[in-house]
Amino acid sequence: MKTKRIFPESELIINSDGSCFHLHLKPEQLADRVILVGDPARVTTVANHFDSRECEVSSREFHTITGEYKGKRITVQSHGIGCDNIDIVVNELDTLANIDYMTREERDEHRTLTMVRIGTCGGLQPFTPTGCFVASVKSIGFDGLLNYYAGRNVVCDIPMEKAFCEHMQWDPIKGAPYVAVADEQLVEQIAADDMVRGYTISCGGFYGPQGRVLRADIADPRQNEKIESFDYEGMKVCNFEMESSALAGMASLLGHRAMTCCMVIANRYAQKMNTEYKNSIDTLIEKVLERI
C-alpha cells in the first residue's frame, strides 16, 4: 500500500483564506480545463467569450477567471513572462487538484488537468509568417528548469537533445537544454488542420537568448542561423517563445496534459513585426475555446 505524503507548511504554502500561495486560488475554483496566457489583461479577453463567470481572482501577475463556455467549465489563468513563472503556476495548479488542503495529504485519486497555453512568438522559418498559428510538438528549453527535477530524462526526448547540442556546438557554460514533449492527443485536438506544427525554442530571456543584439553583443552570433537549419525527424524549429518547454515538461512530470499554441507576431527570418497583434489574436482564442 502506497504511503500518503504529507506536505509541511514550508513546502505547501497555504494562505489564511485557504488559497494557494501565489495564485490565491482555492481548490474549488479550479476547472479541469485550463487556458494559460501570459498577459493578465488577456484573461479578461478570453473570459469575454464565456457564457457565465463564477469567480475572478488577482494576485501580482496572476489573474484567474473560471466560468462556462458552451457547457464546458474552463479556468483561464495568466502566468506572466518566463519559465520560472510556469514553475509556480503549474505546481500550484497541481496542488489544488491533487493535494487535500485541509489535511495536506496527497489525494488517493489523481486528477488530470488539460492545459493549453495561448501565446505569441517569433517565427523562424519562411513558412511561419506573421499572423500564422504554431502548435509546439516539442519544445527545447534553454531555461534549465526541468533539470532541477528528478525524472526529467523520462519525460524528455534525449536523442533529440543530443542531436540539437551537436548541431549547435552547444557551449555547456549555458547549461543543458532539454526537450519537453507536448501531449500528442491534445496537439491533434487543438492544432487540427489549420496550425503549423513544429519544434519551439523556449528562451530564458527576450533579447540575447533569442539572438537579439542591442548594445550588448551575444556569445554566438550564428545562434539563430544554426537553429533555423536544425532538422530532426523531418521537422524544423518554427518559433521562439519563453514558456512552452516548462509547461510541457512540468505537466508530463505531474501527470497532466499540456501543449502550447502561439500566434506569430514577429518573423525573425524576414525581420518583420506586427505590433498590432492584439487586434487579431482573438481568432486563436476562439479556436482553442472551441477545441479544448
Protein backbone atom coordinates (compact mmCIF):
# COMPACT_ATOMS: atom_id res chain seq x y z
CA MET A 1 0.00 0.00 0.00
CA LYS A 2 1.37 3.39 -1.02
CA THR A 3 2.15 5.69 1.90
CA LYS A 4 0.47 9.06 1.58
CA ARG A 5 2.78 12.03 1.53
CA ILE A 6 2.01 14.87 3.90
CA PHE A 7 3.41 18.25 2.86
CA PRO A 8 4.71 20.63 5.58
CA GLU A 9 3.92 24.33 5.72
CA SER A 10 7.30 25.35 4.30
CA GLU A 11 6.71 23.28 1.12
CA LEU A 12 2.98 23.68 0.56
CA ILE A 13 2.28 27.29 1.49
CA ILE A 14 -1.44 27.90 2.02
CA ASN A 15 -2.78 31.41 2.63
CA SER A 16 -5.03 32.12 5.62
CA ASP A 17 -8.11 32.09 3.37
CA GLY A 18 -7.34 28.56 2.15
CA SER A 19 -5.87 29.59 -1.20
CA CYS A 20 -2.51 28.66 -2.76
CA PHE A 21 0.39 31.00 -2.06
CA HIS A 22 0.97 32.86 -5.34
CA LEU A 23 -2.22 32.37 -7.37
CA HIS A 24 -4.56 32.98 -4.40
CA LEU A 25 -6.84 30.35 -5.93
CA LYS A 26 -8.86 27.85 -3.88
CA PRO A 27 -9.29 24.18 -4.90
CA GLU A 28 -12.99 24.53 -5.69
CA GLN A 29 -12.26 27.44 -8.09
CA LEU A 30 -10.18 25.34 -10.49
CA ALA A 31 -11.71 23.69 -13.56
CA ASP A 32 -10.28 20.58 -15.27
CA ARG A 33 -9.76 22.58 -18.47
CA VAL A 34 -7.25 25.41 -18.12
CA ILE A 35 -6.27 28.04 -20.66
CA LEU A 36 -2.97 29.75 -19.84
CA VAL A 37 -1.97 33.19 -21.11
CA GLY A 38 1.00 35.41 -20.31
CA ASP A 39 -0.68 38.81 -20.10
CA PRO A 40 -3.05 39.26 -17.12
CA ALA A 41 -5.23 41.51 -19.30
CA ARG A 42 -5.67 38.68 -21.81
CA VAL A 43 -7.51 36.67 -19.14
CA THR A 44 -10.40 39.13 -19.49
CA THR A 45 -10.16 38.92 -23.29
CA VAL A 46 -10.62 35.14 -23.12
CA ALA A 47 -13.32 35.31 -20.44
CA ASN A 48 -15.31 37.79 -22.54
CA HIS A 49 -16.28 34.75 -24.62
CA PHE A 50 -17.68 32.89 -21.59
CA ASP A 51 -21.41 32.42 -21.19
CA SER A 52 -21.03 32.91 -17.42
CA ARG A 53 -18.37 33.56 -14.78
CA GLU A 54 -18.25 32.03 -11.31
CA CYS A 55 -15.12 33.61 -9.84
CA GLU A 56 -12.30 36.07 -10.51
CA VAL A 57 -9.04 36.32 -8.54
CA SER A 58 -5.98 38.55 -9.00
CA SER A 59 -2.59 38.50 -7.29
CA ARG A 60 0.53 40.10 -8.77
CA GLU A 61 0.77 38.97 -12.42
CA PHE A 62 -1.53 36.02 -11.73
CA HIS A 63 -5.11 36.74 -12.85
CA THR A 64 -7.72 33.97 -12.86
CA ILE A 65 -11.29 33.70 -14.11
CA THR A 66 -13.30 30.48 -14.02
CA GLY A 67 -16.54 30.25 -15.95
CA GLU A 68 -18.52 28.34 -18.53
CA TYR A 69 -18.21 28.28 -22.32
CA LYS A 70 -20.80 26.28 -24.29
CA GLY A 71 -21.30 23.85 -21.41
CA LYS A 72 -17.58 23.48 -20.63
CA ARG A 73 -16.23 24.68 -17.29
CA ILE A 74 -12.92 26.46 -18.01
CA THR A 75 -10.33 28.29 -15.94
CA VAL A 76 -8.27 30.95 -17.70
CA GLN A 77 -5.05 31.75 -15.85
CA SER A 78 -2.27 34.26 -16.52
CA HIS A 79 1.32 33.32 -15.79
CA GLY A 80 3.39 36.36 -16.72
CA ILE A 81 6.66 36.01 -18.63
CA GLY A 82 9.17 33.18 -18.40
CA CYS A 83 9.61 29.53 -17.44
CA ASP A 84 10.20 30.45 -13.79
CA ASN A 85 6.60 31.64 -13.61
CA ILE A 86 5.39 28.43 -15.25
CA ASP A 87 7.12 26.53 -12.44
CA ILE A 88 4.96 28.45 -9.95
CA VAL A 89 1.70 28.19 -11.87
CA VAL A 90 1.81 24.51 -12.85
CA ASN A 91 2.97 23.37 -9.42
CA GLU A 92 0.27 25.36 -7.64
CA LEU A 93 -2.47 24.25 -10.04
CA ASP A 94 -1.37 20.67 -9.43
CA THR A 95 -1.57 21.11 -5.66
CA LEU A 96 -5.10 22.46 -5.99
CA ALA A 97 -6.05 19.36 -7.99
CA ASN A 98 -4.12 16.66 -6.17
CA ILE A 99 -3.50 17.68 -2.54
CA ASP A 100 -6.13 17.94 0.17
CA TYR A 101 -5.64 21.46 1.56
CA MET A 102 -7.31 20.52 4.84
CA THR A 103 -5.06 17.54 5.69
CA ARG A 104 -2.04 18.44 3.48
CA GLU A 105 -2.14 14.87 2.15
CA GLU A 106 -1.81 13.73 -1.44
CA ARG A 107 -5.23 12.67 -2.73
CA ASP A 108 -5.96 8.98 -3.38
CA GLU A 109 -7.10 9.57 -6.96
CA HIS A 110 -5.07 11.64 -9.40
CA ARG A 111 -6.95 14.47 -11.08
CA THR A 112 -5.63 15.23 -14.57
CA LEU A 113 -5.73 18.80 -15.85
CA THR A 114 -5.82 19.73 -19.52
CA MET A 115 -3.76 22.87 -20.04
CA VAL A 116 -3.44 24.84 -23.28
CA ARG A 117 -1.24 27.92 -23.42
CA ILE A 118 -2.20 30.65 -25.88
CA GLY A 119 0.80 32.85 -26.57
CA THR A 120 2.69 34.99 -29.02
CA CYS A 121 6.02 34.15 -30.59
CA GLY A 122 8.68 34.95 -33.13
CA GLY A 123 8.64 32.85 -36.30
CA LEU A 124 11.94 31.37 -37.50
CA GLN A 125 11.05 29.93 -40.89
CA PRO A 126 9.76 31.25 -44.24
CA PHE A 127 6.61 29.15 -43.65
CA THR A 128 5.85 30.88 -40.32
CA PRO A 129 4.88 34.42 -41.41
CA THR A 130 3.35 36.95 -39.03
CA GLY A 131 -0.24 36.06 -38.26
CA CYS A 132 0.07 32.28 -38.58
CA PHE A 133 -0.57 29.89 -35.66
CA VAL A 134 2.12 27.47 -34.47
CA ALA A 135 1.49 24.37 -32.31
CA SER A 136 4.55 23.25 -30.34
CA VAL A 137 5.03 19.50 -30.75
CA LYS A 138 8.30 19.50 -28.82
CA SER A 139 9.95 22.41 -27.02
CA ILE A 140 13.66 22.91 -26.48
CA GLY A 141 14.17 24.62 -23.14
CA PHE A 142 17.11 26.98 -22.85
CA ASP A 143 15.99 27.90 -19.32
CA GLY A 144 17.19 24.78 -17.48
CA LEU A 145 14.07 24.48 -15.29
CA LEU A 146 13.39 20.79 -15.83
CA ASN A 147 16.99 19.91 -14.98
CA TYR A 148 16.16 20.58 -11.32
CA TYR A 149 13.55 17.78 -11.22
CA ALA A 150 14.05 14.04 -10.88
CA GLY A 151 12.54 12.18 -13.79
CA ARG A 152 13.42 14.79 -16.43
CA ASN A 153 15.08 12.09 -18.58
CA VAL A 154 11.89 10.02 -18.52
CA VAL A 155 9.70 12.80 -19.94
CA CYS A 156 12.26 14.35 -22.32
CA ASP A 157 13.42 13.33 -25.80
CA ILE A 158 17.05 12.51 -25.00
CA PRO A 159 18.15 11.58 -28.56
CA MET A 160 16.82 14.90 -29.84
CA GLU A 161 18.66 16.76 -27.06
CA LYS A 162 21.93 15.15 -28.16
CA ALA A 163 21.29 15.88 -31.83
CA PHE A 164 20.47 19.51 -31.09
CA CYS A 165 23.56 20.06 -28.93
CA GLU A 166 25.79 18.53 -31.60
CA HIS A 167 24.22 20.66 -34.33
CA MET A 168 24.52 23.84 -32.28
CA GLN A 169 28.04 23.05 -30.99
CA TRP A 170 26.46 23.84 -27.65
CA ASP A 171 28.61 25.62 -25.07
CA PRO A 172 27.98 23.85 -21.71
CA ILE A 173 28.50 27.14 -19.86
CA LYS A 174 24.91 27.94 -20.90
CA GLY A 175 23.54 24.91 -19.06
CA ALA A 176 21.94 21.82 -20.58
CA PRO A 177 18.96 22.34 -22.90
CA TYR A 178 16.10 19.88 -22.53
CA VAL A 179 13.44 18.72 -24.99
CA ALA A 180 9.93 18.55 -23.50
CA VAL A 181 7.18 16.74 -25.40
CA ALA A 182 3.62 18.09 -25.64
CA ASP A 183 0.68 15.73 -25.16
CA GLU A 184 0.22 14.15 -28.61
CA GLN A 185 -3.55 13.71 -28.41
CA LEU A 186 -4.01 17.26 -27.20
CA VAL A 187 -1.90 18.60 -30.08
CA GLU A 188 -4.15 16.71 -32.51
CA GLN A 189 -7.24 18.08 -30.77
CA ILE A 190 -6.14 21.73 -30.68
CA ALA A 191 -3.95 22.10 -33.77
CA ALA A 192 -6.40 20.23 -36.04
CA ASP A 193 -5.56 21.02 -39.67
CA ASP A 194 -5.04 24.78 -39.51
CA MET A 195 -1.94 25.26 -37.34
CA VAL A 196 1.71 24.82 -38.28
CA ARG A 197 3.28 22.04 -36.21
CA GLY A 198 6.93 22.08 -35.27
CA TYR A 199 9.57 22.50 -32.63
CA THR A 200 9.79 25.53 -30.38
CA ILE A 201 12.69 27.13 -28.56
CA SER A 202 11.79 28.37 -25.07
CA CYS A 203 14.30 31.05 -24.11
CA GLY A 204 15.42 32.37 -20.75
CA GLY A 205 15.16 35.94 -21.99
CA PHE A 206 13.81 38.14 -24.78
CA TYR A 207 16.98 39.77 -26.09
CA GLY A 208 20.33 37.94 -26.01
CA PRO A 209 18.87 34.44 -25.53
CA GLN A 210 16.76 34.98 -28.67
CA GLY A 211 19.72 36.32 -30.63
CA ARG A 212 18.73 39.98 -30.48
CA VAL A 213 21.66 42.36 -30.50
CA LEU A 214 21.25 45.82 -29.00
CA ARG A 215 24.15 47.37 -27.04
CA ALA A 216 25.35 44.05 -25.59
CA ASP A 217 26.87 41.61 -28.07
CA ILE A 218 25.81 37.95 -27.89
CA ALA A 219 28.11 34.99 -27.31
CA ASP A 220 27.19 33.13 -30.53
CA PRO A 221 26.39 35.46 -33.46
CA ARG A 222 25.40 32.39 -35.57
CA GLN A 223 22.93 31.06 -32.99
CA ASN A 224 19.73 31.80 -34.91
CA GLU A 225 21.21 30.66 -38.22
CA LYS A 226 22.06 27.27 -36.67
CA ILE A 227 18.65 26.99 -35.01
CA GLU A 228 16.86 27.71 -38.30
CA SER A 229 18.82 24.97 -40.09
CA PHE A 230 18.26 22.29 -37.41
CA ASP A 231 16.17 19.40 -38.78
CA TYR A 232 15.17 16.39 -36.72
CA GLU A 233 12.92 13.60 -38.00
CA GLY A 234 11.71 15.84 -40.83
CA MET A 235 10.61 18.74 -38.64
CA LYS A 236 12.19 22.14 -38.02
CA VAL A 237 12.28 24.70 -35.23
CA CYS A 238 9.40 27.05 -36.07
CA ASN A 239 9.47 29.67 -33.36
CA PHE A 240 10.93 31.36 -30.29
CA GLU A 241 8.91 31.96 -27.12
CA MET A 242 9.53 31.75 -23.38
CA GLU A 243 7.25 29.21 -21.66
CA SER A 244 6.30 26.11 -23.69
CA SER A 245 9.15 23.83 -22.58
CA ALA A 246 8.41 24.35 -18.88
CA LEU A 247 4.69 23.81 -19.41
CA ALA A 248 5.07 20.58 -21.39
CA GLY A 249 7.80 19.27 -19.11
CA MET A 250 6.17 20.05 -15.77
CA ALA A 251 2.80 18.77 -16.97
CA SER A 252 4.37 15.45 -18.01
CA LEU A 253 6.17 15.09 -14.67
CA LEU A 254 2.94 15.72 -12.75
CA GLY A 255 0.63 13.62 -14.92
CA HIS A 256 -1.25 16.35 -16.77
CA ARG A 257 -1.94 17.05 -20.45
CA ALA A 258 -0.47 20.24 -21.89
CA MET A 259 0.54 21.99 -25.07
CA THR A 260 1.24 25.49 -26.39
CA CYS A 261 -0.09 27.25 -29.47
CA CYS A 262 1.14 30.69 -30.46
CA MET A 263 0.41 33.39 -32.97
CA VAL A 264 3.49 34.60 -34.79
CA ILE A 265 3.83 38.35 -34.24
CA ALA A 266 7.40 38.70 -35.49
CA ASN A 267 9.24 36.79 -38.18
CA ARG A 268 12.94 36.83 -37.36
CA TYR A 269 13.82 35.26 -40.71
CA ALA A 270 12.10 38.04 -42.67
CA GLN A 271 12.73 40.69 -39.98
CA LYS A 272 9.01 41.60 -39.89
CA MET A 273 7.00 42.63 -36.81
CA ASN A 274 3.29 43.13 -36.14
CA THR A 275 2.81 45.40 -33.12
CA GLU A 276 -0.99 45.37 -33.61
CA TYR A 277 -1.34 41.64 -32.90
CA LYS A 278 -3.80 42.21 -30.03
CA ASN A 279 -6.43 43.01 -32.64
CA SER A 280 -6.14 39.57 -34.27
CA ILE A 281 -5.23 37.06 -31.54
CA ASP A 282 -8.93 36.66 -30.75
CA THR A 283 -9.18 34.20 -33.65
CA LEU A 284 -6.72 31.87 -31.92
CA ILE A 285 -8.57 32.27 -28.63
CA GLU A 286 -11.85 31.23 -30.28
CA LYS A 287 -10.25 28.15 -31.85
CA VAL A 288 -8.86 26.97 -28.51
CA LEU A 289 -12.13 27.58 -26.67
CA GLU A 290 -13.99 25.50 -29.25
CA ARG A 291 -11.48 22.64 -29.20
CA ILE A 292 -10.33 22.32 -25.60
